[in-house]
C-alpha atoms as a PDB file:
ATOM      1  CA  UNK A   1       0.063  -0.026   0.128  1.00  0.00           C
ATOM      2  CA  UNK A   2       1.203   3.410  -1.062  1.00  0.00           C
ATOM      3  CA  UNK A   3       2.069   5.891   1.886  1.00  0.00           C
ATOM      4  CA  UNK A   4      -0.575   8.236   0.648  1.00  0.00           C
ATOM      5  CA  UNK A   5      -3.403   5.819   1.196  1.00  0.00           C
ATOM      6  CA  UNK A   6      -1.885   4.683   4.523  1.00  0.00           C
ATOM      7  CA  UNK A   7      -1.898   8.314   5.673  1.00  0.00           C
ATOM      8  CA  UNK A   8      -5.483   8.738   4.457  1.00  0.00           C
ATOM      9  CA  UNK A   9      -6.764   5.447   6.314  1.00  0.00           C
ATOM     10  CA  UNK A  10      -4.691   6.635   9.425  1.00  0.00           C
ATOM     11  CA  UNK A  11      -6.662  10.084   9.421  1.00  0.00           C
ATOM     12  CA  UNK A  12      -9.979   8.510   8.618  1.00  0.00           C
ATOM     13  CA  UNK A  13      -9.394   6.164  11.627  1.00  0.00           C
ATOM     14  CA  UNK A  14      -8.319   9.473  13.790  1.00  0.00           C
ATOM     15  CA  UNK A  15     -11.136  11.784  12.866  1.00  0.00           C
ATOM     16  CA  UNK A  16     -14.297   9.445  12.900  1.00  0.00           C
ATOM     17  CA  UNK A  17     -15.817   8.796  16.158  1.00  0.00           C
ATOM     18  CA  UNK A  18     -18.288   5.998  15.209  1.00  0.00           C
ATOM     19  CA  UNK A  19     -18.321   2.833  13.489  1.00  0.00           C
ATOM     20  CA  UNK A  20     -20.560   0.040  12.646  1.00  0.00           C
ATOM     21  CA  UNK A  21     -19.409  -3.656  13.850  1.00  0.00           C
ATOM     22  CA  UNK A  22     -20.658  -7.085  12.534  1.00  0.00           C
ATOM     23  CA  UNK A  23     -20.870  -9.940  14.664  1.00  0.00           C
ATOM     24  CA  UNK A  24     -22.741 -13.244  13.988  1.00  0.00           C
ATOM     25  CA  UNK A  25     -25.486 -14.713  16.338  1.00  0.00           C
ATOM     26  CA  UNK A  26     -26.732 -18.166  16.374  1.00  0.00           C
ATOM     27  CA  UNK A  27     -28.759 -17.674  13.284  1.00  0.00           C
ATOM     28  CA  UNK A  28     -28.092 -14.360  11.798  1.00  0.00           C
ATOM     29  CA  UNK A  29     -25.512 -11.520  11.800  1.00  0.00           C
ATOM     30  CA  UNK A  30     -25.971  -8.717  13.753  1.00  0.00           C
ATOM     31  CA  UNK A  31     -24.909  -4.994  13.612  1.00  0.00           C
ATOM     32  CA  UNK A  32     -24.136  -2.121  15.796  1.00  0.00           C
ATOM     33  CA  UNK A  33     -23.265   1.445  16.103  1.00  0.00           C
ATOM     34  CA  UNK A  34     -20.212   1.841  18.254  1.00  0.00           C
ATOM     35  CA  UNK A  35     -17.549   4.309  19.367  1.00  0.00           C
ATOM     36  CA  UNK A  36     -13.879   3.329  18.394  1.00  0.00           C
ATOM     37  CA  UNK A  37     -10.398   4.179  19.046  1.00  0.00           C
ATOM     38  CA  UNK A  38      -7.586   2.675  16.497  1.00  0.00           C
ATOM     39  CA  UNK A  39      -4.064   1.927  17.541  1.00  0.00           C
ATOM     40  CA  UNK A  40      -1.272   4.232  16.013  1.00  0.00           C
ATOM     41  CA  UNK A  41       0.059   1.243  14.059  1.00  0.00           C
ATOM     42  CA  UNK A  42      -3.234   0.512  12.670  1.00  0.00           C
ATOM     43  CA  UNK A  43      -3.154  -3.087  13.994  1.00  0.00           C
ATOM     44  CA  UNK A  44      -5.827  -2.782  16.697  1.00  0.00           C
ATOM     45  CA  UNK A  45      -9.083  -1.201  17.191  1.00  0.00           C
ATOM     46  CA  UNK A  46     -10.851  -0.921  20.569  1.00  0.00           C
ATOM     47  CA  UNK A  47     -14.572  -0.273  21.496  1.00  0.00           C
ATOM     48  CA  UNK A  48     -16.502  -0.781  24.833  1.00  0.00           C
ATOM     49  CA  UNK A  49     -19.553  -2.479  25.276  1.00  0.00           C
ATOM     50  CA  UNK A  50     -22.071  -3.604  28.032  1.00  0.00           C
ATOM     51  CA  UNK A  51     -21.521  -7.166  29.381  1.00  0.00           C
ATOM     52  CA  UNK A  52     -25.175  -7.521  29.016  1.00  0.00           C
ATOM     53  CA  UNK A  53     -25.353  -6.879  25.169  1.00  0.00           C
ATOM     54  CA  UNK A  54     -26.096  -8.980  22.439  1.00  0.00           C
ATOM     55  CA  UNK A  55     -22.846  -8.113  20.751  1.00  0.00           C
ATOM     56  CA  UNK A  56     -20.867  -9.132  23.854  1.00  0.00           C
ATOM     57  CA  UNK A  57     -22.660 -12.323  23.733  1.00  0.00           C
ATOM     58  CA  UNK A  58     -22.232 -13.081  20.007  1.00  0.00           C
ATOM     59  CA  UNK A  59     -18.358 -12.220  20.422  1.00  0.00           C
ATOM     60  CA  UNK A  60     -18.199 -14.450  23.273  1.00  0.00           C
ATOM     61  CA  UNK A  61     -19.425 -17.536  21.183  1.00  0.00           C
ATOM     62  CA  UNK A  62     -17.359 -16.353  17.914  1.00  0.00           C
ATOM     63  CA  UNK A  63     -14.614 -13.900  18.193  1.00  0.00           C
ATOM     64  CA  UNK A  64     -14.607 -13.073  14.469  1.00  0.00           C
ATOM     65  CA  UNK A  65     -15.874  -9.333  13.522  1.00  0.00           C
ATOM     66  CA  UNK A  66     -15.793  -6.843  10.760  1.00  0.00           C
ATOM     67  CA  UNK A  67     -15.954  -3.265  11.365  1.00  0.00           C
ATOM     68  CA  UNK A  68     -16.887  -0.184   9.107  1.00  0.00           C
ATOM     69  CA  UNK A  69     -15.563   3.239   9.361  1.00  0.00           C
ATOM     70  CA  UNK A  70     -16.439   5.892   6.812  1.00  0.00           C
ATOM     71  CA  UNK A  71     -16.709   9.591   6.135  1.00  0.00           C
ATOM     72  CA  UNK A  72     -19.891   9.922   4.037  1.00  0.00           C
ATOM     73  CA  UNK A  73     -21.966  13.141   4.501  1.00  0.00           C
ATOM     74  CA  UNK A  74     -25.079  11.702   2.915  1.00  0.00           C
ATOM     75  CA  UNK A  75     -24.462  14.136   0.019  1.00  0.00           C
ATOM     76  CA  UNK A  76     -24.393  13.257  -3.986  1.00  0.00           C
ATOM     77  CA  UNK A  77     -20.541  14.251  -3.906  1.00  0.00           C
ATOM     78  CA  UNK A  78     -19.926  11.243  -1.572  1.00  0.00           C
ATOM     79  CA  UNK A  79     -19.888   9.158  -4.806  1.00  0.00           C
ATOM     80  CA  UNK A  80     -16.145  10.580  -5.617  1.00  0.00           C
ATOM     81  CA  UNK A  81     -15.215  11.948  -2.331  1.00  0.00           C
ATOM     82  CA  UNK A  82     -16.261   9.495   0.446  1.00  0.00           C
ATOM     83  CA  UNK A  83     -13.865   6.851   1.721  1.00  0.00           C
ATOM     84  CA  UNK A  84     -15.128   3.568   3.471  1.00  0.00           C
ATOM     85  CA  UNK A  85     -13.022   1.157   5.349  1.00  0.00           C
ATOM     86  CA  UNK A  86     -13.525  -2.343   6.611  1.00  0.00           C
ATOM     87  CA  UNK A  87     -11.388  -3.835   8.945  1.00  0.00           C
ATOM     88  CA  UNK A  88     -11.782  -7.852   9.455  1.00  0.00           C
ATOM     89  CA  UNK A  89     -10.164  -9.460  12.490  1.00  0.00           C
ATOM     90  CA  UNK A  90     -10.492 -11.405  15.728  1.00  0.00           C
ATOM     91  CA  UNK A  91     -11.646  -9.861  19.077  1.00  0.00           C
ATOM     92  CA  UNK A  92     -10.251 -10.297  22.652  1.00  0.00           C
ATOM     93  CA  UNK A  93     -12.147  -9.115  25.835  1.00  0.00           C
ATOM     94  CA  UNK A  94      -9.603  -6.743  27.709  1.00  0.00           C
ATOM     95  CA  UNK A  95      -9.510  -6.993  31.284  1.00  0.00           C
ATOM     96  CA  UNK A  96      -6.777  -4.304  31.824  1.00  0.00           C
ATOM     97  CA  UNK A  97      -7.433  -0.639  31.520  1.00  0.00           C
ATOM     98  CA  UNK A  98      -4.437   0.627  29.639  1.00  0.00           C
ATOM     99  CA  UNK A  99      -6.240   1.709  26.659  1.00  0.00           C
ATOM    100  CA  UNK A 100      -8.815   3.613  28.792  1.00  0.00           C
ATOM    101  CA  UNK A 101      -6.910   6.719  29.077  1.00  0.00           C
ATOM    102  CA  UNK A 102      -6.337   7.045  25.268  1.00  0.00           C
ATOM    103  CA  UNK A 103     -10.040   6.124  24.887  1.00  0.00           C
ATOM    104  CA  UNK A 104     -11.222   8.921  27.039  1.00  0.00           C
ATOM    105  CA  UNK A 105      -8.880  11.240  25.056  1.00  0.00           C
ATOM    106  CA  UNK A 106     -11.011  10.752  21.998  1.00  0.00           C
ATOM    107  CA  UNK A 107     -14.452   9.948  23.759  1.00  0.00           C
ATOM    108  CA  UNK A 108     -14.423  12.053  27.167  1.00  0.00           C
ATOM    109  CA  UNK A 109     -18.218  11.930  27.235  1.00  0.00           C
ATOM    110  CA  UNK A 110     -18.081   8.218  27.834  1.00  0.00           C
ATOM    111  CA  UNK A 111     -16.070   8.314  31.056  1.00  0.00           C
ATOM    112  CA  UNK A 112     -19.413   7.173  33.219  1.00  0.00           C
ATOM    113  CA  UNK A 113     -19.969   4.029  31.024  1.00  0.00           C
ATOM    114  CA  UNK A 114     -16.232   3.256  30.377  1.00  0.00           C
ATOM    115  CA  UNK A 115     -15.734   3.160  34.345  1.00  0.00           C
ATOM    116  CA  UNK A 116     -19.145   1.019  35.088  1.00  0.00           C
ATOM    117  CA  UNK A 117     -18.719  -2.509  36.187  1.00  0.00           C
ATOM    118  CA  UNK A 118     -20.951  -3.493  33.353  1.00  0.00           C
ATOM    119  CA  UNK A 119     -18.549  -2.174  30.541  1.00  0.00           C
ATOM    120  CA  UNK A 120     -15.710  -4.076  29.174  1.00  0.00           C
ATOM    121  CA  UNK A 121     -13.189  -3.150  26.387  1.00  0.00           C
ATOM    122  CA  UNK A 122     -13.106  -4.998  23.220  1.00  0.00           C
ATOM    123  CA  UNK A 123      -9.866  -5.195  21.104  1.00  0.00           C
ATOM    124  CA  UNK A 124      -9.940  -6.273  17.726  1.00  0.00           C
ATOM    125  CA  UNK A 125      -6.712  -7.588  16.235  1.00  0.00           C
ATOM    126  CA  UNK A 126      -6.924  -6.497  12.480  1.00  0.00           C
ATOM    127  CA  UNK A 127      -6.036  -8.964   9.922  1.00  0.00           C
ATOM    128  CA  UNK A 128      -6.893  -6.855   6.893  1.00  0.00           C
ATOM    129  CA  UNK A 129      -8.392  -3.621   5.832  1.00  0.00           C
ATOM    130  CA  UNK A 130     -10.416  -3.265   2.703  1.00  0.00           C
ATOM    131  CA  UNK A 131     -10.092   0.503   1.654  1.00  0.00           C
ATOM    132  CA  UNK A 132     -12.618   1.915  -0.737  1.00  0.00           C
ATOM    133  CA  UNK A 133     -12.263   5.434  -2.069  1.00  0.00           C
ATOM    134  CA  UNK A 134     -13.397   7.133  -5.099  1.00  0.00           C
ATOM    135  CA  UNK A 135     -16.384   5.259  -5.662  1.00  0.00           C
ATOM    136  CA  UNK A 136     -14.802   1.979  -6.900  1.00  0.00           C
ATOM    137  CA  UNK A 137     -11.325   2.102  -5.973  1.00  0.00           C
ATOM    138  CA  UNK A 138     -10.394  -0.902  -3.709  1.00  0.00           C
ATOM    139  CA  UNK A 139      -7.228  -1.619  -1.860  1.00  0.00           C
ATOM    140  CA  UNK A 140      -6.402  -4.197   0.625  1.00  0.00           C
ATOM    141  CA  UNK A 141      -3.865  -3.878   3.581  1.00  0.00           C
ATOM    142  CA  UNK A 142      -3.005  -7.224   4.992  1.00  0.00           C
ATOM    143  CA  UNK A 143      -1.360  -7.814   8.424  1.00  0.00           C
END
């Protein structure tokens, strides 16, 4: 992957606050809107969830996940200007709070939730990014 595209990916992951995750339930896929934080080396993405949620239950049974991050503005020019990234990987439930400080820098409004007993941080170990920009320009970054 060229450096310009890698920089665009890094900027997208830093600028965007929300993403959509897809997990697998017993009989069907399941999607959720989440807040997230990406590591500087792009190899990990983190998001918090309640231990009493369907996404937590799904990930406890099947750690495979995909996450979609984009910068669309719901405007016609998005056809040429929007960028969408799908990351695919496996999850791990984090028990330490090392990432909490960095997560709170990006999402200070979540402090109460993040510090609650019901909240756990999920780490996605990224296997690949599928990057689509300029409508049909597709690039893949494997780890």
